[in-house]
Amino acid sequence: MRRETIRATPLWRKCAACYDCAFVERDPLITGIRGLDIVRIFAFLSFSHNNTTYPCALIQWFSHILDEPDELTGMWKVQPDTNDDGSTSLEIIHLDCIFHSAHLMPVLSEYGHCFIPSDIDFTNLLDRFSTFYINKYIDHHAFGLSQLDM
């Protein structure tokens, strides 16, 4: 069994917040990325009911933009879900739904950029852009998930 760290901390290394992204199982009958959704995790929490503790995460969903990967890059595109007023749409899910960490990269071409502006870093990138690639090249697990969709 492989172990990985998924962070959700308002103060990372005594400077800024760090809220990681993850794959969440949407449909166990569908293989690959088509059966998974992307979330950004803002907090880990738990509650008890009838002597049972439920470990959970406070998350923001990301929706797939197309039904197929991007033709040029071969990577899926996603965008964050928001409420009608533009505010962040949050939900609480059980930790058992989290499948694997995920890495998102901004789609720079949709903003007329060739490079990420210098005032953007890991602490604000997911807030400053609205369209992202799911990086299937980040590790062999993510790449394997993408190959199941071929």
C-alpha atoms as a PDB file:
ATOM      1  CA  MET A   1       0.000   0.000   0.000  1.00  0.00           C
ATOM      2  CA  ARG A   2       1.343   3.412  -0.969  1.00  0.00           C
ATOM      3  CA  ARG A   3       0.957   6.384   1.333  1.00  0.00           C
ATOM      4  CA  GLU A   4       0.823  10.025   0.287  1.00  0.00           C
ATOM      5  CA  THR A   5       0.247  13.356   1.969  1.00  0.00           C
ATOM      6  CA  ILE A   6      -2.654  15.579   1.015  1.00  0.00           C
ATOM      7  CA  ARG A   7      -2.480  18.949   2.759  1.00  0.00           C
ATOM      8  CA  ALA A   8      -5.222  21.314   3.855  1.00  0.00           C
ATOM      9  CA  THR A   9      -3.656  23.924   6.061  1.00  0.00           C
ATOM     10  CA  PRO A  10      -4.384  27.639   6.477  1.00  0.00           C
ATOM     11  CA  LEU A  11      -0.743  28.314   7.394  1.00  0.00           C
ATOM     12  CA  TRP A  12       1.884  26.361   5.449  1.00  0.00           C
ATOM     13  CA  ARG A  13       5.521  26.806   6.543  1.00  0.00           C
ATOM     14  CA  LYS A  14       4.573  29.914   8.527  1.00  0.00           C
ATOM     15  CA  CYS A  15       3.539  31.882   5.448  1.00  0.00           C
ATOM     16  CA  ALA A  16       0.528  31.016   3.316  1.00  0.00           C
ATOM     17  CA  ALA A  17      -2.294  28.543   3.006  1.00  0.00           C
ATOM     18  CA  CYS A  18      -1.865  25.241   1.171  1.00  0.00           C
ATOM     19  CA  TYR A  19      -4.952  23.413  -0.066  1.00  0.00           C
ATOM     20  CA  ASP A  20      -4.155  20.359  -2.186  1.00  0.00           C
ATOM     21  CA  CYS A  21      -6.303  18.781  -4.881  1.00  0.00           C
ATOM     22  CA  ALA A  22      -7.367  15.154  -5.143  1.00  0.00           C
ATOM     23  CA  PHE A  23      -9.248  12.671  -7.281  1.00  0.00           C
ATOM     24  CA  VAL A  24     -12.582  11.625  -5.780  1.00  0.00           C
ATOM     25  CA  GLU A  25     -14.393   8.491  -6.886  1.00  0.00           C
ATOM     26  CA  ARG A  26     -17.658   9.510  -8.547  1.00  0.00           C
ATOM     27  CA  ASP A  27     -18.684   6.236 -10.158  1.00  0.00           C
ATOM     28  CA  PRO A  28     -16.869   2.997  -9.205  1.00  0.00           C
ATOM     29  CA  LEU A  29     -18.238   1.267 -12.312  1.00  0.00           C
ATOM     30  CA  ILE A  30     -16.424   3.665 -14.671  1.00  0.00           C
ATOM     31  CA  THR A  31     -12.650   3.200 -15.024  1.00  0.00           C
ATOM     32  CA  GLY A  32     -10.080   5.946 -15.371  1.00  0.00           C
ATOM     33  CA  ILE A  33     -10.576   9.678 -15.071  1.00  0.00           C
ATOM     34  CA  ARG A  34     -14.131   9.434 -16.443  1.00  0.00           C
ATOM     35  CA  GLY A  35     -15.191   7.829 -13.147  1.00  0.00           C
ATOM     36  CA  LEU A  36     -13.364  10.395 -11.015  1.00  0.00           C
ATOM     37  CA  ASP A  37     -13.857  14.050 -10.144  1.00  0.00           C
ATOM     38  CA  ILE A  38     -11.333  16.601  -8.946  1.00  0.00           C
ATOM     39  CA  VAL A  39     -11.684  18.440  -5.642  1.00  0.00           C
ATOM     40  CA  ARG A  40      -9.703  21.043  -3.738  1.00  0.00           C
ATOM     41  CA  ILE A  41      -9.513  20.204  -0.043  1.00  0.00           C
ATOM     42  CA  PHE A  42      -9.913  23.093   2.406  1.00  0.00           C
ATOM     43  CA  ALA A  43     -10.094  21.193   5.707  1.00  0.00           C
ATOM     44  CA  PHE A  44     -10.104  17.749   7.259  1.00  0.00           C
ATOM     45  CA  LEU A  45     -12.657  17.237  10.006  1.00  0.00           C
ATOM     46  CA  SER A  46     -14.668  14.549  11.730  1.00  0.00           C
ATOM     47  CA  PHE A  47     -17.889  14.256  13.648  1.00  0.00           C
ATOM     48  CA  SER A  48     -19.486  11.550  15.762  1.00  0.00           C
ATOM     49  CA  HIS A  49     -23.007  10.230  15.572  1.00  0.00           C
ATOM     50  CA  ASN A  50     -24.318   7.244  17.563  1.00  0.00           C
ATOM     51  CA  ASN A  51     -20.777   6.381  18.733  1.00  0.00           C
ATOM     52  CA  THR A  52     -19.457   6.285  15.158  1.00  0.00           C
ATOM     53  CA  THR A  53     -16.818   8.768  14.020  1.00  0.00           C
ATOM     54  CA  TYR A  54     -17.011   9.967  10.427  1.00  0.00           C
ATOM     55  CA  PRO A  55     -13.753  11.381   8.994  1.00  0.00           C
ATOM     56  CA  CYS A  56     -14.547  14.004   6.362  1.00  0.00           C
ATOM     57  CA  ALA A  57     -13.111  16.738   4.178  1.00  0.00           C
ATOM     58  CA  LEU A  58     -14.435  20.182   3.283  1.00  0.00           C
ATOM     59  CA  ILE A  59     -14.010  20.420  -0.490  1.00  0.00           C
ATOM     60  CA  GLN A  60     -14.654  22.431  -3.628  1.00  0.00           C
ATOM     61  CA  TRP A  61     -15.619  20.446  -6.737  1.00  0.00           C
ATOM     62  CA  PHE A  62     -14.028  20.927 -10.159  1.00  0.00           C
ATOM     63  CA  SER A  63     -16.081  20.000 -13.239  1.00  0.00           C
ATOM     64  CA  HIS A  64     -14.777  18.508 -16.469  1.00  0.00           C
ATOM     65  CA  ILE A  65     -15.122  21.005 -19.315  1.00  0.00           C
ATOM     66  CA  LEU A  66     -15.249  18.457 -22.147  1.00  0.00           C
ATOM     67  CA  ASP A  67     -16.132  14.775 -22.453  1.00  0.00           C
ATOM     68  CA  GLU A  68     -12.694  14.039 -23.910  1.00  0.00           C
ATOM     69  CA  PRO A  69      -9.110  15.064 -23.112  1.00  0.00           C
ATOM     70  CA  ASP A  70      -7.709  18.178 -24.809  1.00  0.00           C
ATOM     71  CA  GLU A  71      -6.652  17.278 -28.347  1.00  0.00           C
ATOM     72  CA  LEU A  72      -3.336  19.152 -28.182  1.00  0.00           C
ATOM     73  CA  THR A  73      -2.076  18.033 -24.742  1.00  0.00           C
ATOM     74  CA  GLY A  74      -3.994  14.815 -24.110  1.00  0.00           C
ATOM     75  CA  MET A  75      -4.915  16.170 -20.667  1.00  0.00           C
ATOM     76  CA  TRP A  76      -8.404  16.716 -19.264  1.00  0.00           C
ATOM     77  CA  LYS A  77      -9.573  20.275 -18.576  1.00  0.00           C
ATOM     78  CA  VAL A  78     -11.503  21.229 -15.444  1.00  0.00           C
ATOM     79  CA  GLN A  79     -12.897  24.380 -13.881  1.00  0.00           C
ATOM     80  CA  PRO A  80     -13.892  25.105 -10.269  1.00  0.00           C
ATOM     81  CA  ASP A  81     -17.580  24.949  -9.401  1.00  0.00           C
ATOM     82  CA  THR A  82     -19.037  28.148  -7.995  1.00  0.00           C
ATOM     83  CA  ASN A  83     -22.366  29.322  -6.630  1.00  0.00           C
ATOM     84  CA  ASP A  84     -24.645  31.585  -8.685  1.00  0.00           C
ATOM     85  CA  ASP A  85     -23.101  34.663  -7.030  1.00  0.00           C
ATOM     86  CA  GLY A  86     -19.560  33.553  -7.972  1.00  0.00           C
ATOM     87  CA  SER A  87     -18.579  32.447  -4.471  1.00  0.00           C
ATOM     88  CA  THR A  88     -16.809  29.156  -3.828  1.00  0.00           C
ATOM     89  CA  SER A  89     -19.196  26.202  -3.652  1.00  0.00           C
ATOM     90  CA  LEU A  90     -18.194  23.965  -0.723  1.00  0.00           C
ATOM     91  CA  GLU A  91     -19.348  20.512   0.399  1.00  0.00           C
ATOM     92  CA  ILE A  92     -18.365  17.928   2.982  1.00  0.00           C
ATOM     93  CA  ILE A  93     -17.467  14.408   1.794  1.00  0.00           C
ATOM     94  CA  HIS A  94     -16.336  11.230   3.558  1.00  0.00           C
ATOM     95  CA  LEU A  95     -12.580  10.565   3.407  1.00  0.00           C
ATOM     96  CA  ASP A  96     -13.219   7.144   1.862  1.00  0.00           C
ATOM     97  CA  CYS A  97     -14.229   8.959  -1.345  1.00  0.00           C
ATOM     98  CA  ILE A  98     -10.726  10.392  -1.816  1.00  0.00           C
ATOM     99  CA  PHE A  99      -8.840   8.200  -4.262  1.00  0.00           C
ATOM    100  CA  HIS A 100      -5.480   9.878  -4.953  1.00  0.00           C
ATOM    101  CA  SER A 101      -3.816  13.279  -4.937  1.00  0.00           C
ATOM    102  CA  ALA A 102      -4.170  15.356  -8.104  1.00  0.00           C
ATOM    103  CA  HIS A 103      -2.078  18.073  -9.707  1.00  0.00           C
ATOM    104  CA  LEU A 104      -3.685  20.913 -11.663  1.00  0.00           C
ATOM    105  CA  MET A 105      -1.922  23.286 -14.069  1.00  0.00           C
ATOM    106  CA  PRO A 106      -3.471  26.500 -15.411  1.00  0.00           C
ATOM    107  CA  VAL A 107      -4.510  26.632 -19.055  1.00  0.00           C
ATOM    108  CA  LEU A 108      -2.399  29.667 -19.948  1.00  0.00           C
ATOM    109  CA  SER A 109      -3.471  29.906 -23.596  1.00  0.00           C
ATOM    110  CA  GLU A 110      -7.036  30.796 -22.602  1.00  0.00           C
ATOM    111  CA  TYR A 111      -5.765  33.953 -20.903  1.00  0.00           C
ATOM    112  CA  GLY A 112      -3.345  35.120 -23.578  1.00  0.00           C
ATOM    113  CA  HIS A 113      -0.357  34.264 -21.381  1.00  0.00           C
ATOM    114  CA  CYS A 114       2.737  32.368 -22.391  1.00  0.00           C
ATOM    115  CA  PHE A 115       4.099  32.387 -18.843  1.00  0.00           C
ATOM    116  CA  ILE A 116       2.634  32.470 -15.367  1.00  0.00           C
ATOM    117  CA  PRO A 117       2.739  36.086 -14.098  1.00  0.00           C
ATOM    118  CA  SER A 118       5.376  36.696 -11.403  1.00  0.00           C
ATOM    119  CA  ASP A 119       2.821  37.593  -8.706  1.00  0.00           C
ATOM    120  CA  ILE A 120       1.265  34.124  -8.911  1.00  0.00           C
ATOM    121  CA  ASP A 121       2.622  31.260  -6.820  1.00  0.00           C
ATOM    122  CA  PHE A 122       1.392  27.980  -5.341  1.00  0.00           C
ATOM    123  CA  THR A 123      -0.652  29.855  -2.728  1.00  0.00           C
ATOM    124  CA  ASN A 124      -2.932  31.702  -5.165  1.00  0.00           C
ATOM    125  CA  LEU A 125      -2.737  29.917  -8.520  1.00  0.00           C
ATOM    126  CA  LEU A 126      -6.002  27.990  -8.083  1.00  0.00           C
ATOM    127  CA  ASP A 127      -7.763  31.240  -7.171  1.00  0.00           C
ATOM    128  CA  ARG A 128      -6.340  33.326 -10.020  1.00  0.00           C
ATOM    129  CA  PHE A 129      -7.086  31.037 -12.964  1.00  0.00           C
ATOM    130  CA  SER A 130     -10.402  29.483 -13.913  1.00  0.00           C
ATOM    131  CA  THR A 131      -9.424  26.629 -16.238  1.00  0.00           C
ATOM    132  CA  PHE A 132      -6.904  23.898 -15.460  1.00  0.00           C
ATOM    133  CA  TYR A 133      -5.356  20.790 -16.953  1.00  0.00           C
ATOM    134  CA  ILE A 134      -5.298  17.623 -14.861  1.00  0.00           C
ATOM    135  CA  ASN A 135      -1.579  16.847 -15.015  1.00  0.00           C
ATOM    136  CA  LYS A 136      -1.355  13.181 -15.962  1.00  0.00           C
ATOM    137  CA  TYR A 137       2.453  13.411 -16.130  1.00  0.00           C
ATOM    138  CA  ILE A 138       2.947  14.238 -12.425  1.00  0.00           C
ATOM    139  CA  ASP A 139       3.397  10.574 -11.422  1.00  0.00           C
ATOM    140  CA  HIS A 140       2.844   7.073 -12.730  1.00  0.00           C
ATOM    141  CA  HIS A 141      -0.470   6.709 -10.861  1.00  0.00           C
ATOM    142  CA  ALA A 142      -2.007   9.743 -12.570  1.00  0.00           C
ATOM    143  CA  PHE A 143      -0.626   8.590 -15.917  1.00  0.00           C
ATOM    144  CA  GLY A 144      -2.082   5.124 -15.388  1.00  0.00           C
ATOM    145  CA  LEU A 145      -5.515   6.617 -14.688  1.00  0.00           C
ATOM    146  CA  SER A 146      -5.371   8.567 -17.937  1.00  0.00           C
ATOM    147  CA  GLN A 147      -4.452   5.452 -19.929  1.00  0.00           C
ATOM    148  CA  LEU A 148      -7.593   3.660 -18.738  1.00  0.00           C
ATOM    149  CA  ASP A 149      -9.615   6.212 -20.718  1.00  0.00           C
ATOM    150  CA  MET A 150      -7.983   5.366 -24.047  1.00  0.00           C
END
